Amino acid sequence: MDVSIVIVNYKTPQLLLDCVRSVYEHTIDCSFEIIVIDNDSRDESKSLLVEKYPDVIWIDMGYNAGFGRANNKGIDLAKGDYTLLLNSDVELFEDAISKTLNHYKSLERKHKVGLLGCQVKHKDDRLQPSCNYYWSGIREVIEEHPIGIKILQKWLGIKKLRSRDKYLKLGNNHKITWLGVPFALINSKIIKNDKFDEEFFMYSEDEELNFRLSKNGYSSFFFSGAGVYHHIGASSENNEKRDLQIFYSKLQFIKKAYGSLYFWIYCKLLNSSFKWNNKLDKNGYKSYKIKEINNYYDDRGMLNVYENFRD
């Protein structure tokens, strides 16, 4: 079998149905299986899908296992030579899987390929910036610090990382720093050996996976010759919880990627940035309490703000 398509579902029954339908409609030139891992949706997702597509492999996690851990379950079951990590809010409009697979195979002849993505679009065909060109880290914090901005930009003439145009190269095939995973293809042998870190509940687990793969010599790439539609944020709820989860997940990545000393320096700079920005912003700068990160680990060892949220 060519490709195992792993889809994590959480309370997105119609989007999931549209996603799977589009895979069957548009995937012509490769063989595939679809594995859906459900994070305890408790809705009509399973009945709607299995009735219409009985060949889909449906796995109930029995609890909300988060994005990485649920994906790992599907990766363990995958029988294809390649694995496609596909969001339930993605919809195919062409044979993107076969085209991306062929490009992956061509890249493998010359490179150690990790994750490969394709163009990600809104339904009106506007491109979404799915490529990332730098890792999260200390420089990113310095650039958000009022003093750091002056030193880097005014005195040293260095442009901010975030000022880079993420749309600039989306019309060309190219190597990237790391790839988000609404649509990410990888050789199954690689991903079965280096799966998602299961301490991440949601967010930053994709950056951590890319980072670990890069340390093992694998590079991520972008393919401009195919595209998919992506309904952004369709399975996210509660902006306050989401923002806090994003913040603490990034801290989790920083500590895992760079170690305790780097993490300590990062947190000191971040706290200083919060204080200075609060002084300068009359409307109130949004800041978080770094030390409270340990309050959000659940009994399974995941950093889960959604389950342990405190007002």
C-alpha atoms as a PDB file:
ATOM      1  CA  MET A   1       0.000   0.000   0.000  1.00  0.00           C
ATOM      2  CA  ASP A   2       1.264   3.480  -0.866  1.00  0.00           C
ATOM      3  CA  VAL A   3      -0.191   5.796   1.771  1.00  0.00           C
ATOM      4  CA  SER A   4      -1.829   5.529   5.185  1.00  0.00           C
ATOM      5  CA  ILE A   5      -3.909   8.650   5.829  1.00  0.00           C
ATOM      6  CA  VAL A   6      -4.197   9.433   9.536  1.00  0.00           C
ATOM      7  CA  ILE A   7      -6.947  11.871  10.559  1.00  0.00           C
ATOM      8  CA  VAL A   8      -7.570  12.983  14.143  1.00  0.00           C
ATOM      9  CA  ASN A   9     -11.182  13.958  14.806  1.00  0.00           C
ATOM     10  CA  TYR A  10     -12.693  15.941  17.650  1.00  0.00           C
ATOM     11  CA  LYS A  11     -16.296  17.048  17.260  1.00  0.00           C
ATOM     12  CA  THR A  12     -16.092  17.938  13.574  1.00  0.00           C
ATOM     13  CA  PRO A  13     -18.572  15.460  12.018  1.00  0.00           C
ATOM     14  CA  GLN A  14     -19.429  17.368   8.839  1.00  0.00           C
ATOM     15  CA  LEU A  15     -15.885  18.534   8.195  1.00  0.00           C
ATOM     16  CA  LEU A  16     -14.618  14.999   8.690  1.00  0.00           C
ATOM     17  CA  LEU A  17     -17.195  13.665   6.259  1.00  0.00           C
ATOM     18  CA  ASP A  18     -16.220  16.289   3.683  1.00  0.00           C
ATOM     19  CA  CYS A  19     -12.536  15.529   4.208  1.00  0.00           C
ATOM     20  CA  VAL A  20     -12.908  11.782   3.709  1.00  0.00           C
ATOM     21  CA  ARG A  21     -15.269  12.253   0.752  1.00  0.00           C
ATOM     22  CA  SER A  22     -12.724  14.511  -0.949  1.00  0.00           C
ATOM     23  CA  VAL A  23      -9.957  11.942  -0.431  1.00  0.00           C
ATOM     24  CA  TYR A  24     -11.999   9.217  -2.126  1.00  0.00           C
ATOM     25  CA  GLU A  25     -13.095  11.551  -4.923  1.00  0.00           C
ATOM     26  CA  HIS A  26      -9.693  12.957  -5.821  1.00  0.00           C
ATOM     27  CA  THR A  27      -7.087  10.327  -4.909  1.00  0.00           C
ATOM     28  CA  ILE A  28      -6.625   8.323  -8.080  1.00  0.00           C
ATOM     29  CA  ASP A  29      -2.980   7.471  -8.734  1.00  0.00           C
ATOM     30  CA  CYS A  30      -1.996   5.805  -5.464  1.00  0.00           C
ATOM     31  CA  SER A  31      -3.386   3.171  -3.126  1.00  0.00           C
ATOM     32  CA  PHE A  32      -4.374   4.268   0.364  1.00  0.00           C
ATOM     33  CA  GLU A  33      -6.120   3.493   3.629  1.00  0.00           C
ATOM     34  CA  ILE A  34      -7.840   5.986   5.916  1.00  0.00           C
ATOM     35  CA  ILE A  35      -7.433   5.731   9.688  1.00  0.00           C
ATOM     36  CA  VAL A  36      -9.598   8.034  11.797  1.00  0.00           C
ATOM     37  CA  ILE A  37      -8.674   8.476  15.440  1.00  0.00           C
ATOM     38  CA  ASP A  38     -11.508   9.983  17.452  1.00  0.00           C
ATOM     39  CA  ASN A  39     -10.766  11.948  20.625  1.00  0.00           C
ATOM     40  CA  ASP A  40     -13.999  11.101  22.445  1.00  0.00           C
ATOM     41  CA  SER A  41     -16.214  13.370  20.319  1.00  0.00           C
ATOM     42  CA  ARG A  42     -19.484  11.902  21.625  1.00  0.00           C
ATOM     43  CA  ASP A  43     -21.388  13.080  18.569  1.00  0.00           C
ATOM     44  CA  GLU A  44     -22.562  11.679  15.245  1.00  0.00           C
ATOM     45  CA  SER A  45     -19.066  11.646  13.670  1.00  0.00           C
ATOM     46  CA  LYS A  46     -18.717   7.860  13.698  1.00  0.00           C
ATOM     47  CA  SER A  47     -22.248   6.984  12.561  1.00  0.00           C
ATOM     48  CA  LEU A  48     -22.161   9.470   9.683  1.00  0.00           C
ATOM     49  CA  LEU A  49     -18.758   8.363   8.439  1.00  0.00           C
ATOM     50  CA  VAL A  50     -18.787   4.588   8.876  1.00  0.00           C
ATOM     51  CA  GLU A  51     -22.211   4.248   7.297  1.00  0.00           C
ATOM     52  CA  LYS A  52     -21.047   5.998   4.138  1.00  0.00           C
ATOM     53  CA  TYR A  53     -17.422   4.806   4.101  1.00  0.00           C
ATOM     54  CA  PRO A  54     -17.260   1.367   5.769  1.00  0.00           C
ATOM     55  CA  ASP A  55     -13.640   0.823   4.670  1.00  0.00           C
ATOM     56  CA  VAL A  56     -12.428   3.596   6.942  1.00  0.00           C
ATOM     57  CA  ILE A  57     -10.615   2.292  10.015  1.00  0.00           C
ATOM     58  CA  TRP A  58     -12.219   3.961  13.045  1.00  0.00           C
ATOM     59  CA  ILE A  59     -10.438   4.053  16.393  1.00  0.00           C
ATOM     60  CA  ASP A  60     -12.034   5.448  19.562  1.00  0.00           C
ATOM     61  CA  MET A  61      -9.444   6.788  22.010  1.00  0.00           C
ATOM     62  CA  GLY A  62     -12.048   6.815  24.805  1.00  0.00           C
ATOM     63  CA  TYR A  63     -10.825  10.194  26.057  1.00  0.00           C
ATOM     64  CA  ASN A  64      -9.509  13.420  24.546  1.00  0.00           C
ATOM     65  CA  ALA A  65      -5.925  12.322  23.977  1.00  0.00           C
ATOM     66  CA  GLY A  66      -4.816  15.495  22.248  1.00  0.00           C
ATOM     67  CA  PHE A  67      -3.395  15.858  18.770  1.00  0.00           C
ATOM     68  CA  GLY A  68      -0.012  14.155  19.030  1.00  0.00           C
ATOM     69  CA  ARG A  69      -1.006  11.105  21.055  1.00  0.00           C
ATOM     70  CA  ALA A  70      -4.009  10.429  18.822  1.00  0.00           C
ATOM     71  CA  ASN A  71      -1.845  10.730  15.710  1.00  0.00           C
ATOM     72  CA  ASN A  72       0.632   8.281  17.227  1.00  0.00           C
ATOM     73  CA  LYS A  73      -2.145   5.696  17.567  1.00  0.00           C
ATOM     74  CA  GLY A  74      -2.872   6.018  13.864  1.00  0.00           C
ATOM     75  CA  ILE A  75       0.822   5.925  12.985  1.00  0.00           C
ATOM     76  CA  ASP A  76       1.185   2.652  14.907  1.00  0.00           C
ATOM     77  CA  LEU A  77      -1.620   1.120  12.841  1.00  0.00           C
ATOM     78  CA  ALA A  78      -0.441   2.482   9.483  1.00  0.00           C
ATOM     79  CA  LYS A  79       0.393  -0.145   6.854  1.00  0.00           C
ATOM     80  CA  GLY A  80       1.346   2.166   3.991  1.00  0.00           C
ATOM     81  CA  ASP A  81       4.884   2.866   2.842  1.00  0.00           C
ATOM     82  CA  TYR A  82       4.163   6.537   3.544  1.00  0.00           C
ATOM     83  CA  THR A  83       1.988   8.228   6.149  1.00  0.00           C
ATOM     84  CA  LEU A  84      -0.073  11.366   5.543  1.00  0.00           C
ATOM     85  CA  LEU A  85      -0.998  13.397   8.614  1.00  0.00           C
ATOM     86  CA  LEU A  86      -4.208  15.103   7.554  1.00  0.00           C
ATOM     87  CA  ASN A  87      -6.388  17.479   9.553  1.00  0.00           C
ATOM     88  CA  SER A  88     -10.106  16.787   9.616  1.00  0.00           C
ATOM     89  CA  ASP A  89     -10.711  20.359   8.439  1.00  0.00           C
ATOM     90  CA  VAL A  90      -8.804  19.824   5.192  1.00  0.00           C
ATOM     91  CA  GLU A  91     -10.594  19.241   1.905  1.00  0.00           C
ATOM     92  CA  LEU A  92      -8.998  17.998  -1.316  1.00  0.00           C
ATOM     93  CA  PHE A  93      -9.882  19.562  -4.665  1.00  0.00           C
ATOM     94  CA  GLU A  94      -7.287  17.664  -6.746  1.00  0.00           C
ATOM     95  CA  ASP A  95      -5.128  14.556  -6.437  1.00  0.00           C
ATOM     96  CA  ALA A  96      -2.810  16.293  -4.002  1.00  0.00           C
ATOM     97  CA  ILE A  97      -1.839  13.055  -2.255  1.00  0.00           C
ATOM     98  CA  SER A  98      -0.524  11.304  -5.374  1.00  0.00           C
ATOM     99  CA  LYS A  99       1.255  14.421  -6.619  1.00  0.00           C
ATOM    100  CA  THR A 100       2.901  15.087  -3.265  1.00  0.00           C
ATOM    101  CA  LEU A 101       3.852  11.418  -2.935  1.00  0.00           C
ATOM    102  CA  ASN A 102       5.600  11.467  -6.313  1.00  0.00           C
ATOM    103  CA  HIS A 103       7.513  14.596  -5.334  1.00  0.00           C
ATOM    104  CA  TYR A 104       8.506  13.018  -2.013  1.00  0.00           C
ATOM    105  CA  LYS A 105       9.939  10.001  -3.839  1.00  0.00           C
ATOM    106  CA  SER A 106      11.934  12.258  -6.157  1.00  0.00           C
ATOM    107  CA  LEU A 107      13.341  14.207  -3.182  1.00  0.00           C
ATOM    108  CA  GLU A 108      14.343  10.988  -1.422  1.00  0.00           C
ATOM    109  CA  ARG A 109      16.871  10.268  -4.171  1.00  0.00           C
ATOM    110  CA  LYS A 110      19.002  13.231  -3.078  1.00  0.00           C
ATOM    111  CA  HIS A 111      17.938  14.205   0.450  1.00  0.00           C
ATOM    112  CA  LYS A 112      17.047  12.840   3.869  1.00  0.00           C
ATOM    113  CA  VAL A 113      13.411  13.941   3.706  1.00  0.00           C
ATOM    114  CA  GLY A 114      11.346  14.405   6.836  1.00  0.00           C
ATOM    115  CA  LEU A 115       7.967  16.058   6.351  1.00  0.00           C
ATOM    116  CA  LEU A 116       6.678  17.311   3.014  1.00  0.00           C
ATOM    117  CA  GLY A 117       3.752  19.685   2.669  1.00  0.00           C
ATOM    118  CA  CYS A 118       1.874  21.180  -0.261  1.00  0.00           C
ATOM    119  CA  GLN A 119       0.018  24.451  -0.835  1.00  0.00           C
ATOM    120  CA  VAL A 120      -2.696  25.119   1.744  1.00  0.00           C
ATOM    121  CA  LYS A 121      -5.519  27.401   0.632  1.00  0.00           C
ATOM    122  CA  HIS A 122      -8.683  29.121   1.726  1.00  0.00           C
ATOM    123  CA  LYS A 123     -11.794  28.132  -0.225  1.00  0.00           C
ATOM    124  CA  ASP A 124     -11.426  31.332  -2.289  1.00  0.00           C
ATOM    125  CA  ASP A 125      -7.946  30.092  -3.369  1.00  0.00           C
ATOM    126  CA  ARG A 126      -5.978  32.550  -1.238  1.00  0.00           C
ATOM    127  CA  LEU A 127      -2.835  30.858   0.034  1.00  0.00           C
ATOM    128  CA  GLN A 128      -2.275  30.177   3.730  1.00  0.00           C
ATOM    129  CA  PRO A 129       1.301  30.450   5.079  1.00  0.00           C
ATOM    130  CA  SER A 130       2.028  26.839   6.032  1.00  0.00           C
ATOM    131  CA  CYS A 131       5.840  27.084   5.993  1.00  0.00           C
ATOM    132  CA  ASN A 132       8.005  28.190   8.910  1.00  0.00           C
ATOM    133  CA  TYR A 133      11.508  29.589   8.478  1.00  0.00           C
ATOM    134  CA  TYR A 134      12.826  29.818  12.048  1.00  0.00           C
ATOM    135  CA  TRP A 135      12.525  27.953  15.345  1.00  0.00           C
ATOM    136  CA  SER A 136      10.889  29.426  18.413  1.00  0.00           C
ATOM    137  CA  GLY A 137      13.550  30.700  20.810  1.00  0.00           C
ATOM    138  CA  ILE A 138      15.298  33.535  22.601  1.00  0.00           C
ATOM    139  CA  ARG A 139      15.683  35.811  19.592  1.00  0.00           C
ATOM    140  CA  GLU A 140      11.914  35.757  19.117  1.00  0.00           C
ATOM    141  CA  VAL A 141      11.441  36.989  22.710  1.00  0.00           C
ATOM    142  CA  ILE A 142      14.090  39.698  22.341  1.00  0.00           C
ATOM    143  CA  GLU A 143      12.254  40.988  19.285  1.00  0.00           C
ATOM    144  CA  GLU A 144       9.081  41.442  21.347  1.00  0.00           C
ATOM    145  CA  HIS A 145      10.974  43.311  24.078  1.00  0.00           C
ATOM    146  CA  PRO A 146      10.872  47.135  23.744  1.00  0.00           C
ATOM    147  CA  ILE A 147      14.614  47.387  24.469  1.00  0.00           C
ATOM    148  CA  GLY A 148      15.426  44.414  22.265  1.00  0.00           C
ATOM    149  CA  ILE A 149      13.560  45.966  19.342  1.00  0.00           C
ATOM    150  CA  LYS A 150      15.663  49.134  19.628  1.00  0.00           C
ATOM    151  CA  ILE A 151      18.956  47.223  19.815  1.00  0.00           C
ATOM    152  CA  LEU A 152      18.201  44.853  16.933  1.00  0.00           C
ATOM    153  CA  GLN A 153      16.421  47.163  14.543  1.00  0.00           C
ATOM    154  CA  LYS A 154      17.630  50.691  15.250  1.00  0.00           C
ATOM    155  CA  TRP A 155      21.206  50.059  16.345  1.00  0.00           C
ATOM    156  CA  LEU A 156      22.154  46.839  14.543  1.00  0.00           C
ATOM    157  CA  GLY A 157      19.796  47.131  11.572  1.00  0.00           C
ATOM    158  CA  ILE A 158      18.569  43.539  11.934  1.00  0.00           C
ATOM    159  CA  LYS A 159      15.077  42.777  10.672  1.00  0.00           C
ATOM    160  CA  LYS A 160      12.615  40.954  12.914  1.00  0.00           C
ATOM    161  CA  LEU A 161      12.112  37.249  12.217  1.00  0.00           C
ATOM    162  CA  ARG A 162       8.375  37.810  12.075  1.00  0.00           C
ATOM    163  CA  SER A 163       8.814  40.428   9.370  1.00  0.00           C
ATOM    164  CA  ARG A 164       9.816  37.718   6.895  1.00  0.00           C
ATOM    165  CA  ASP A 165       7.301  37.246   4.117  1.00  0.00           C
ATOM    166  CA  LYS A 166       5.793  33.773   4.592  1.00  0.00           C
ATOM    167  CA  TYR A 167       3.996  34.054   1.259  1.00  0.00           C
ATOM    168  CA  LEU A 168       7.082  34.879  -0.804  1.00  0.00           C
ATOM    169  CA  LYS A 169       8.126  31.312  -1.692  1.00  0.00           C
ATOM    170  CA  LEU A 170       4.754  29.561  -1.784  1.00  0.00           C
ATOM    171  CA  GLY A 171       4.857  29.412  -5.580  1.00  0.00           C
ATOM    172  CA  ASN A 172       8.112  27.424  -5.557  1.00  0.00           C
ATOM    173  CA  ASN A 173       9.384  24.090  -4.267  1.00  0.00           C
ATOM    174  CA  HIS A 174      11.880  24.685  -1.464  1.00  0.00           C
ATOM    175  CA  LYS A 175      13.433  23.476   1.764  1.00  0.00           C
ATOM    176  CA  ILE A 176      11.972  24.952   4.949  1.00  0.00           C
ATOM    177  CA  THR A 177      12.824  25.037   8.655  1.00  0.00           C
ATOM    178  CA  TRP A 178       9.681  23.306   9.828  1.00  0.00           C
ATOM    179  CA  LEU A 179       6.241  22.361   8.564  1.00  0.00           C
ATOM    180  CA  GLY A 180       2.850  22.626  10.239  1.00  0.00           C
ATOM    181  CA  VAL A 181       0.651  19.569   9.838  1.00  0.00           C
ATOM    182  CA  PRO A 182      -2.724  20.263   8.260  1.00  0.00           C
ATOM    183  CA  PHE A 183      -1.231  18.194   5.399  1.00  0.00           C
ATOM    184  CA  ALA A 184       2.136  16.527   5.996  1.00  0.00           C
ATOM    185  CA  LEU A 185       3.535  13.480   4.212  1.00  0.00           C
ATOM    186  CA  ILE A 186       6.385  11.394   5.576  1.00  0.00           C
ATOM    187  CA  ASN A 187       8.020   8.006   5.019  1.00  0.00           C
ATOM    188  CA  SER A 188       6.352   5.582   7.434  1.00  0.00           C
ATOM    189  CA  LYS A 189       9.671   4.095   8.572  1.00  0.00           C
ATOM    190  CA  ILE A 190      10.773   7.538   9.747  1.00  0.00           C
ATOM    191  CA  ILE A 191       7.582   8.579  11.543  1.00  0.00           C
ATOM    192  CA  LYS A 192       7.173   5.178  13.226  1.00  0.00           C
ATOM    193  CA  ASN A 193      10.644   5.663  14.708  1.00  0.00           C
ATOM    194  CA  ASP A 194      10.178   9.358  15.611  1.00  0.00           C
ATOM    195  CA  LYS A 195       6.544   9.925  16.562  1.00  0.00           C
ATOM    196  CA  PHE A 196       4.937  12.894  18.301  1.00  0.00           C
ATOM    197  CA  ASP A 197       5.960  13.646  21.883  1.00  0.00           C
ATOM    198  CA  GLU A 198       2.900  12.614  23.896  1.00  0.00           C
ATOM    199  CA  GLU A 199       3.431  15.181  26.664  1.00  0.00           C
ATOM    200  CA  PHE A 200       2.087  17.807  24.257  1.00  0.00           C
ATOM    201  CA  PHE A 201      -1.691  18.021  24.257  1.00  0.00           C
ATOM    202  CA  MET A 202      -2.137  20.541  21.463  1.00  0.00           C
ATOM    203  CA  TYR A 203       0.057  23.129  19.682  1.00  0.00           C
ATOM    204  CA  SER A 204       3.867  23.122  19.293  1.00  0.00           C
ATOM    205  CA  GLU A 205       3.904  19.327  18.977  1.00  0.00           C
ATOM    206  CA  ASP A 206       4.454  19.775  15.224  1.00  0.00           C
ATOM    207  CA  GLU A 207       7.411  22.121  15.762  1.00  0.00           C
ATOM    208  CA  GLU A 208       8.895  19.715  18.313  1.00  0.00           C
ATOM    209  CA  LEU A 209       8.549  16.792  15.876  1.00  0.00           C
ATOM    210  CA  ASN A 210      10.216  18.797  13.097  1.00  0.00           C
ATOM    211  CA  PHE A 211      12.981  19.861  15.498  1.00  0.00           C
ATOM    212  CA  ARG A 212      13.698  16.296  16.560  1.00  0.00           C
ATOM    213  CA  LEU A 213      13.700  15.090  12.955  1.00  0.00           C
ATOM    214  CA  SER A 214      16.142  17.857  12.035  1.00  0.00           C
ATOM    215  CA  LYS A 215      18.482  16.741  14.818  1.00  0.00           C
ATOM    216  CA  ASN A 216      18.454  13.293  13.218  1.00  0.00           C
ATOM    217  CA  GLY A 217      19.452  14.746   9.859  1.00  0.00           C
ATOM    218  CA  TYR A 218      16.034  15.037   8.193  1.00  0.00           C
ATOM    219  CA  SER A 219      14.835  18.180   6.421  1.00  0.00           C
ATOM    220  CA  SER A 220      11.306  19.402   5.801  1.00  0.00           C
ATOM    221  CA  PHE A 221      10.232  20.571   2.354  1.00  0.00           C
ATOM    222  CA  PHE A 222       7.419  22.413   0.612  1.00  0.00           C
ATOM    223  CA  PHE A 223       5.839  21.319  -2.683  1.00  0.00           C
ATOM    224  CA  SER A 224       4.060  23.966  -4.744  1.00  0.00           C
ATOM    225  CA  GLY A 225       2.683  21.598  -7.380  1.00  0.00           C
ATOM    226  CA  ALA A 226      -0.459  20.582  -5.462  1.00  0.00           C
ATOM    227  CA  GLY A 227      -2.882  22.139  -3.004  1.00  0.00           C
ATOM    228  CA  VAL A 228      -5.665  21.510  -0.497  1.00  0.00           C
ATOM    229  CA  TYR A 229      -8.319  23.637   1.173  1.00  0.00           C
ATOM    230  CA  HIS A 230      -8.023  24.235   4.913  1.00  0.00           C
ATOM    231  CA  HIS A 231     -10.851  25.501   7.126  1.00  0.00           C
ATOM    232  CA  ILE A 232      -8.692  27.174   9.788  1.00  0.00           C
ATOM    233  CA  GLY A 233      -9.447  26.549  13.461  1.00  0.00           C
ATOM    234  CA  ALA A 234     -12.599  24.545  12.834  1.00  0.00           C
ATOM    235  CA  SER A 235     -12.072  22.250  15.827  1.00  0.00           C
ATOM    236  CA  SER A 236     -10.820  24.907  18.264  1.00  0.00           C
ATOM    237  CA  GLU A 237     -13.008  26.293  21.044  1.00  0.00           C
ATOM    238  CA  ASN A 238     -12.673  29.094  23.583  1.00  0.00           C
ATOM    239  CA  ASN A 239     -10.067  31.672  22.548  1.00  0.00           C
ATOM    240  CA  GLU A 240      -8.821  32.228  26.108  1.00  0.00           C
ATOM    241  CA  LYS A 241      -8.103  28.559  26.656  1.00  0.00           C
ATOM    242  CA  ARG A 242      -6.577  28.252  23.201  1.00  0.00           C
ATOM    243  CA  ASP A 243      -4.250  31.236  23.718  1.00  0.00           C
ATOM    244  CA  LEU A 244      -3.097  29.890  27.077  1.00  0.00           C
ATOM    245  CA  GLN A 245      -2.554  26.411  25.593  1.00  0.00           C
ATOM    246  CA  ILE A 246      -0.475  27.910  22.760  1.00  0.00           C
ATOM    247  CA  PHE A 247       1.629  29.890  25.255  1.00  0.00           C
ATOM    248  CA  TYR A 248       2.392  27.004  27.610  1.00  0.00           C
ATOM    249  CA  SER A 249       2.932  24.543  24.755  1.00  0.00           C
ATOM    250  CA  LYS A 250       5.581  26.865  23.329  1.00  0.00           C
ATOM    251  CA  LEU A 251       7.297  26.976  26.735  1.00  0.00           C
ATOM    252  CA  GLN A 252       7.155  23.198  26.778  1.00  0.00           C
ATOM    253  CA  PHE A 253       8.842  23.081  23.368  1.00  0.00           C
ATOM    254  CA  ILE A 254      11.561  25.541  24.405  1.00  0.00           C
ATOM    255  CA  LYS A 255      12.516  23.466  27.457  1.00  0.00           C
ATOM    256  CA  LYS A 256      12.483  20.156  25.590  1.00  0.00           C
ATOM    257  CA  ALA A 257      14.386  21.480  22.584  1.00  0.00           C
ATOM    258  CA  TYR A 258      17.107  23.533  24.269  1.00  0.00           C
ATOM    259  CA  GLY A 259      17.405  22.368  27.870  1.00  0.00           C
ATOM    260  CA  SER A 260      16.952  23.886  31.345  1.00  0.00           C
ATOM    261  CA  LEU A 261      19.536  26.692  31.193  1.00  0.00           C
ATOM    262  CA  TYR A 262      18.272  28.035  27.890  1.00  0.00           C
ATOM    263  CA  PHE A 263      14.709  27.752  29.205  1.00  0.00           C
ATOM    264  CA  TRP A 264      15.618  29.734  32.340  1.00  0.00           C
ATOM    265  CA  ILE A 265      17.132  32.548  30.261  1.00  0.00           C
ATOM    266  CA  TYR A 266      14.142  32.480  27.908  1.00  0.00           C
ATOM    267  CA  CYS A 267      11.690  32.828  30.814  1.00  0.00           C
ATOM    268  CA  LYS A 268      13.685  35.691  32.390  1.00  0.00           C
ATOM    269  CA  LEU A 269      13.622  37.591  29.102  1.00  0.00           C
ATOM    270  CA  LEU A 270       9.946  36.808  28.610  1.00  0.00           C
ATOM    271  CA  ASN A 271       9.006  38.107  32.077  1.00  0.00           C
ATOM    272  CA  SER A 272      11.019  41.258  31.434  1.00  0.00           C
ATOM    273  CA  SER A 273       9.244  41.713  28.109  1.00  0.00           C
ATOM    274  CA  PHE A 274       5.845  41.344  29.805  1.00  0.00           C
ATOM    275  CA  LYS A 275       6.752  43.980  32.424  1.00  0.00           C
ATOM    276  CA  TRP A 276       8.110  46.516  29.944  1.00  0.00           C
ATOM    277  CA  ASN A 277       5.230  46.100  27.509  1.00  0.00           C
ATOM    278  CA  ASN A 278       2.701  46.487  30.334  1.00  0.00           C
ATOM    279  CA  LYS A 279       4.374  49.736  31.357  1.00  0.00           C
ATOM    280  CA  LEU A 280       4.285  51.097  27.825  1.00  0.00           C
ATOM    281  CA  ASP A 281       0.880  49.828  26.729  1.00  0.00           C
ATOM    282  CA  LYS A 282      -1.891  51.937  28.232  1.00  0.00           C
ATOM    283  CA  ASN A 283      -4.533  49.471  27.071  1.00  0.00           C
ATOM    284  CA  GLY A 284      -2.943  46.594  28.974  1.00  0.00           C
ATOM    285  CA  TYR A 285      -0.487  44.160  27.396  1.00  0.00           C
ATOM    286  CA  LYS A 286      -1.566  40.508  27.503  1.00  0.00           C
ATOM    287  CA  SER A 287       0.823  38.507  29.685  1.00  0.00           C
ATOM    288  CA  TYR A 288       0.841  35.117  31.406  1.00  0.00           C
ATOM    289  CA  LYS A 289       2.275  33.668  34.603  1.00  0.00           C
ATOM    290  CA  ILE A 290       5.078  31.359  33.526  1.00  0.00           C
ATOM    291  CA  LYS A 291       5.338  29.573  36.877  1.00  0.00           C
ATOM    292  CA  GLU A 292       1.774  28.282  36.591  1.00  0.00           C
ATOM    293  CA  ILE A 293       2.711  25.937  33.732  1.00  0.00           C
ATOM    294  CA  ASN A 294       2.987  22.980  36.136  1.00  0.00           C
ATOM    295  CA  ASN A 295      -0.647  23.443  37.160  1.00  0.00           C
ATOM    296  CA  TYR A 296      -1.800  22.303  33.739  1.00  0.00           C
ATOM    297  CA  TYR A 297      -0.313  18.811  33.501  1.00  0.00           C
ATOM    298  CA  ASP A 298      -2.989  16.132  33.715  1.00  0.00           C
ATOM    299  CA  ASP A 299      -2.757  12.680  35.268  1.00  0.00           C
ATOM    300  CA  ARG A 300      -1.565  11.227  31.937  1.00  0.00           C
ATOM    301  CA  GLY A 301       1.450  13.555  31.837  1.00  0.00           C
ATOM    302  CA  MET A 302       0.054  15.883  29.147  1.00  0.00           C
ATOM    303  CA  LEU A 303       0.185  19.670  29.344  1.00  0.00           C
ATOM    304  CA  ASN A 304      -3.561  20.118  28.947  1.00  0.00           C
ATOM    305  CA  VAL A 305      -4.882  23.628  29.568  1.00  0.00           C
ATOM    306  CA  TYR A 306      -8.314  22.695  28.231  1.00  0.00           C
ATOM    307  CA  GLU A 307      -8.907  20.093  30.945  1.00  0.00           C
ATOM    308  CA  ASN A 308      -7.311  22.020  33.800  1.00  0.00           C
ATOM    309  CA  PHE A 309      -8.307  25.576  32.883  1.00  0.00           C
ATOM    310  CA  ARG A 310      -8.758  28.077  35.719  1.00  0.00           C
ATOM    311  CA  ASP A 311     -10.535  31.393  35.277  1.00  0.00           C
END
